[in-house]
Amino acid sequence: METKRSQGELGGESGNVIFFILMAIVLIGLVTAALRSGGGDANIDKESLFLKVTQARQHASELERAITFIMQNGASETDIRFAHPDAHSDYGVIATTPQFQVFSTQGGGAEYRLPPADVQIAAADWEFYSHTHIPGAGSSRAGFRRAELIAVLPDVTLQFCAKINEINNQTGAPDDNGGGCLHDTGKRFGTATPPFDDTVTVNLLDETVASFSTTPAPQACVTCGGVRHFYHVLISR
């Protein structure tokens, strides 16, 4: 036969329910705080880094396509130009032979883009060079290595550099120790005569397995004088 429970028993059960509810609220708060201070922010940072790496790689590919388009319309590799009102004056004037200009709608039609935010130690624009031979690109015979036309995003962060090389299966530490540096603002493309440096002064990257674990290496991040630079080959020679 069912009996009525005392007021004290009912009060005790209510107290237990309230206690468990409060404990649940505290636990939810602790978990939320942990996610915000640890794993949650870390995941957001990784996603943001991957997005910025993707943006840089897509822009480099856009430049490569623009050059291919210009050359298909009859230009030679030495005719290519990278002038733009926002670019360094070393690259010339975009109105000069616009059909050969990468950033002209009459030429390659590529958009002039600033580098993604927060991927460089010091902000700097994309640069374009033709004095470095890239491992496995073009002619790699000893004594006959020729310089490639490359786009360079200078002074990138360690995290950006590591992600670029991870994507390109570079498990080593790509190094530019060939007596020069692929990032050299004194050698911007179009300022040298002729534009390509095919003499004995061609800058050679370290092609050893310890440095470039994967070749050809049309895209990678290399260290030069303690500073990291991302490059992408636009024309292999």
Protein backbone atom coordinates (compact mmCIF):
# COMPACT_ATOMS: atom_id res chain seq x y z
CA MET A 1 0.00 0.00 0.00
CA GLU A 2 1.39 3.38 -1.07
CA THR A 3 2.27 5.72 1.75
CA LYS A 4 2.73 9.45 1.71
CA ARG A 5 6.35 10.70 1.89
CA SER A 6 7.24 13.18 4.60
CA GLN A 7 7.90 16.85 3.87
CA GLY A 8 11.54 16.32 4.79
CA GLU A 9 12.00 13.58 2.19
CA LEU A 10 10.49 15.76 -0.52
CA GLY A 11 12.72 18.66 0.47
CA GLY A 12 15.79 16.45 0.36
CA GLU A 13 15.00 15.23 -3.16
CA SER A 14 14.42 18.78 -4.37
CA GLY A 15 17.74 19.80 -2.89
CA ASN A 16 19.51 16.98 -4.72
CA VAL A 17 17.94 17.96 -8.04
CA ILE A 18 19.01 21.58 -7.61
CA PHE A 19 22.53 20.44 -6.67
CA PHE A 20 22.88 18.33 -9.83
CA ILE A 21 21.55 21.17 -11.99
CA LEU A 22 24.10 23.56 -10.52
CA MET A 23 26.88 21.03 -11.06
CA ALA A 24 25.84 20.62 -14.69
CA ILE A 25 25.94 24.40 -15.20
CA VAL A 26 29.42 24.59 -13.67
CA LEU A 27 30.70 21.75 -15.86
CA ILE A 28 29.30 23.34 -19.02
CA GLY A 29 31.02 26.59 -18.05
CA LEU A 30 34.34 24.84 -17.51
CA VAL A 31 34.14 23.02 -20.85
CA THR A 32 33.25 26.25 -22.67
CA ALA A 33 36.17 28.10 -21.07
CA ALA A 34 38.56 25.28 -21.96
CA LEU A 35 37.47 25.33 -25.60
CA ARG A 36 37.88 29.10 -25.82
CA SER A 37 41.32 29.11 -24.27
CA GLY A 38 42.68 25.95 -25.86
CA GLY A 39 41.43 23.66 -28.59
CA GLY A 40 38.79 25.98 -29.98
CA ASP A 41 41.12 28.87 -30.76
CA ALA A 42 43.84 26.49 -32.00
CA ASN A 43 41.44 25.03 -34.56
CA ILE A 44 40.39 28.49 -35.72
CA ASP A 45 44.05 29.51 -36.13
CA LYS A 46 44.79 26.41 -38.21
CA GLU A 47 41.78 27.05 -40.40
CA SER A 48 42.78 30.69 -40.87
CA LEU A 49 46.36 29.70 -41.75
CA PHE A 50 45.18 27.12 -44.27
CA LEU A 51 42.88 29.72 -45.86
CA LYS A 52 45.73 32.22 -46.21
CA VAL A 53 48.06 29.58 -47.65
CA THR A 54 45.37 28.64 -50.15
CA GLN A 55 44.92 32.30 -51.14
CA ALA A 56 48.64 32.72 -51.76
CA ARG A 57 48.89 29.54 -53.81
CA GLN A 58 45.81 30.43 -55.85
CA HIS A 59 47.21 33.87 -56.65
CA ALA A 60 50.51 32.33 -57.75
CA SER A 61 48.61 29.95 -60.02
CA GLU A 62 46.60 32.87 -61.39
CA LEU A 63 49.85 34.63 -62.33
CA GLU A 64 51.14 31.48 -64.02
CA ARG A 65 47.95 31.18 -66.08
CA ALA A 66 48.17 34.85 -67.08
CA ILE A 67 51.71 34.35 -68.36
CA THR A 68 50.69 31.25 -70.29
CA PHE A 69 47.90 33.27 -71.92
CA ILE A 70 50.29 36.08 -72.91
CA MET A 71 52.79 33.67 -74.44
CA GLN A 72 50.06 31.86 -76.34
CA ASN A 73 49.34 35.21 -77.97
CA GLY A 74 52.86 35.47 -79.34
CA ALA A 75 54.99 36.95 -76.54
CA SER A 76 58.38 35.49 -75.66
CA GLU A 77 59.54 34.78 -72.12
CA THR A 78 61.62 37.97 -72.16
CA ASP A 79 58.60 40.10 -73.15
CA ILE A 80 56.65 39.41 -69.93
CA ARG A 81 56.20 42.44 -67.66
CA PHE A 82 54.74 42.97 -64.16
CA ALA A 83 53.99 46.69 -64.11
CA HIS A 84 51.11 48.05 -62.05
CA PRO A 85 50.38 51.43 -60.39
CA ASP A 86 50.74 49.79 -56.97
CA ALA A 87 53.88 47.81 -57.85
CA HIS A 88 57.47 49.03 -57.54
CA SER A 89 58.54 51.37 -60.33
CA ASP A 90 61.29 48.89 -61.28
CA TYR A 91 58.60 46.86 -63.02
CA GLY A 92 57.89 49.68 -65.45
CA VAL A 93 54.63 51.27 -66.61
CA ILE A 94 51.56 49.17 -67.28
CA ALA A 95 50.70 51.23 -70.38
CA THR A 96 53.95 50.10 -72.02
CA THR A 97 53.22 47.12 -74.32
CA PRO A 98 50.05 46.30 -72.35
CA GLN A 99 49.63 43.07 -74.33
CA PHE A 100 52.70 41.76 -72.48
CA GLN A 101 51.65 42.98 -69.04
CA VAL A 102 50.49 40.33 -66.58
CA PHE A 103 48.19 42.77 -64.75
CA SER A 104 46.72 44.47 -67.81
CA THR A 105 43.30 43.51 -69.14
CA GLN A 106 44.91 43.66 -72.59
CA GLY A 107 47.55 41.16 -71.48
CA GLY A 108 47.28 38.45 -68.85
CA GLY A 109 44.30 39.94 -67.06
CA ALA A 110 45.54 38.89 -63.60
CA GLU A 111 44.45 40.93 -60.60
CA TYR A 112 47.16 42.72 -58.64
CA ARG A 113 46.72 41.40 -55.10
CA LEU A 114 48.35 42.24 -51.81
CA PRO A 115 49.68 39.29 -49.79
CA PRO A 116 47.29 37.73 -47.25
CA ALA A 117 47.36 39.47 -43.87
CA ASP A 118 49.45 38.11 -41.00
CA VAL A 119 51.62 35.72 -43.05
CA GLN A 120 54.72 37.94 -43.20
CA ILE A 121 57.17 39.13 -40.57
CA ALA A 122 57.37 42.47 -42.35
CA ALA A 123 54.77 43.46 -44.94
CA ALA A 124 56.09 43.38 -48.50
CA ASP A 125 54.55 43.03 -51.94
CA TRP A 126 54.91 40.06 -54.25
CA GLU A 127 58.16 40.19 -56.23
CA PHE A 128 59.20 38.66 -59.56
CA TYR A 129 62.70 37.38 -60.35
CA SER A 130 64.66 35.46 -62.97
CA HIS A 131 68.08 34.81 -61.48
CA THR A 132 67.52 31.51 -59.60
CA HIS A 133 67.45 27.92 -60.79
CA ILE A 134 64.80 25.83 -59.01
CA PRO A 135 65.61 22.16 -58.21
CA GLY A 136 64.23 19.86 -60.88
CA ALA A 137 62.69 22.66 -62.94
CA GLY A 138 63.73 23.05 -66.56
CA SER A 139 67.27 22.02 -67.46
CA SER A 140 69.06 20.51 -64.47
CA ARG A 141 72.25 19.30 -66.15
CA ALA A 142 75.33 20.35 -64.22
CA GLY A 143 76.82 23.42 -65.83
CA PHE A 144 73.65 24.09 -67.85
CA ARG A 145 71.19 25.10 -65.17
CA ARG A 146 69.10 28.05 -66.29
CA ALA A 147 67.20 30.58 -64.22
CA GLU A 148 63.44 30.26 -63.88
CA LEU A 149 60.91 33.07 -63.78
CA ILE A 150 59.43 32.96 -60.28
CA ALA A 151 56.97 34.84 -58.09
CA VAL A 152 58.19 35.38 -54.53
CA LEU A 153 56.27 36.23 -51.38
CA PRO A 154 59.07 37.46 -49.10
CA ASP A 155 59.67 37.25 -45.37
CA VAL A 156 56.89 34.82 -44.48
CA THR A 157 56.26 33.42 -41.01
CA LEU A 158 57.54 30.08 -39.78
CA GLN A 159 53.97 28.73 -39.60
CA PHE A 160 53.16 29.80 -43.16
CA CYS A 161 56.43 28.35 -44.42
CA ALA A 162 55.86 25.03 -42.66
CA LYS A 163 52.33 24.67 -44.06
CA ILE A 164 53.48 25.47 -47.62
CA ASN A 165 56.18 22.81 -47.44
CA GLU A 166 53.84 20.29 -45.85
CA ILE A 167 51.39 20.74 -48.75
CA ASN A 168 54.26 20.30 -51.23
CA ASN A 169 55.60 17.16 -49.48
CA GLN A 170 58.84 18.86 -48.48
CA THR A 171 59.76 17.01 -45.31
CA GLY A 172 63.25 18.49 -45.27
CA ALA A 173 64.23 22.12 -44.74
CA PRO A 174 64.55 23.73 -48.21
CA ASP A 175 67.52 26.06 -48.20
CA ASP A 176 68.83 28.80 -50.47
CA ASN A 177 72.55 28.67 -49.87
CA GLY A 178 73.82 28.93 -53.42
CA GLY A 179 75.82 32.09 -52.92
CA GLY A 180 72.85 34.39 -53.44
CA CYS A 181 69.19 34.65 -52.57
CA LEU A 182 66.09 34.20 -54.70
CA HIS A 183 64.66 37.34 -53.05
CA ASP A 184 66.86 40.22 -54.19
CA THR A 185 65.11 43.51 -54.93
CA GLY A 186 68.12 44.61 -56.93
CA LYS A 187 67.25 41.93 -59.48
CA ARG A 188 63.56 42.53 -60.12
CA PHE A 189 62.42 41.06 -63.43
CA GLY A 190 62.68 43.58 -66.23
CA THR A 191 65.52 45.60 -64.74
CA ALA A 192 68.33 43.30 -65.90
CA THR A 193 69.56 43.20 -69.49
CA PRO A 194 68.74 40.61 -70.67
CA PRO A 195 65.85 39.83 -68.27
CA PHE A 196 67.09 36.31 -67.54
CA ASP A 197 70.39 35.71 -65.79
CA ASP A 198 71.81 32.68 -67.59
CA THR A 199 75.43 33.30 -66.73
CA VAL A 200 77.61 31.64 -64.09
CA THR A 201 75.96 33.92 -61.50
CA VAL A 202 72.71 31.93 -61.53
CA ASN A 203 71.62 31.39 -57.94
CA LEU A 204 71.38 27.67 -57.06
CA LEU A 205 69.25 26.32 -54.24
CA ASP A 206 70.41 23.40 -52.11
CA GLU A 207 69.16 20.34 -54.03
CA THR A 208 70.19 17.70 -51.48
CA VAL A 209 67.62 15.32 -50.05
CA ALA A 210 68.18 16.85 -46.63
CA SER A 211 67.02 20.16 -48.06
CA PHE A 212 64.60 19.41 -50.89
CA SER A 213 63.13 16.00 -50.11
CA THR A 214 60.84 16.26 -53.16
CA THR A 215 61.89 17.37 -56.64
CA PRO A 216 60.93 18.87 -59.01
CA ALA A 217 60.01 21.65 -56.63
CA PRO A 218 57.90 24.16 -58.58
CA GLN A 219 56.65 25.62 -55.31
CA ALA A 220 58.16 25.74 -51.83
CA CYS A 221 59.31 27.93 -48.98
CA VAL A 222 63.06 28.33 -48.58
CA THR A 223 65.30 29.89 -45.95
CA CYS A 224 67.84 32.46 -47.07
CA GLY A 225 70.05 34.19 -44.54
CA GLY A 226 67.68 33.17 -41.75
CA VAL A 227 64.65 34.67 -43.54
CA ARG A 228 61.92 32.56 -45.14
CA HIS A 229 60.53 33.18 -48.64
CA PHE A 230 57.72 31.45 -50.54
CA TYR A 231 58.28 30.99 -54.28
CA HIS A 232 56.24 29.67 -57.20
CA VAL A 233 57.69 28.92 -60.63
CA LEU A 234 55.95 30.88 -63.39
CA ILE A 235 58.16 29.72 -66.29
CA SER A 236 60.51 26.70 -66.15
CA ARG A 237 63.57 26.95 -68.37
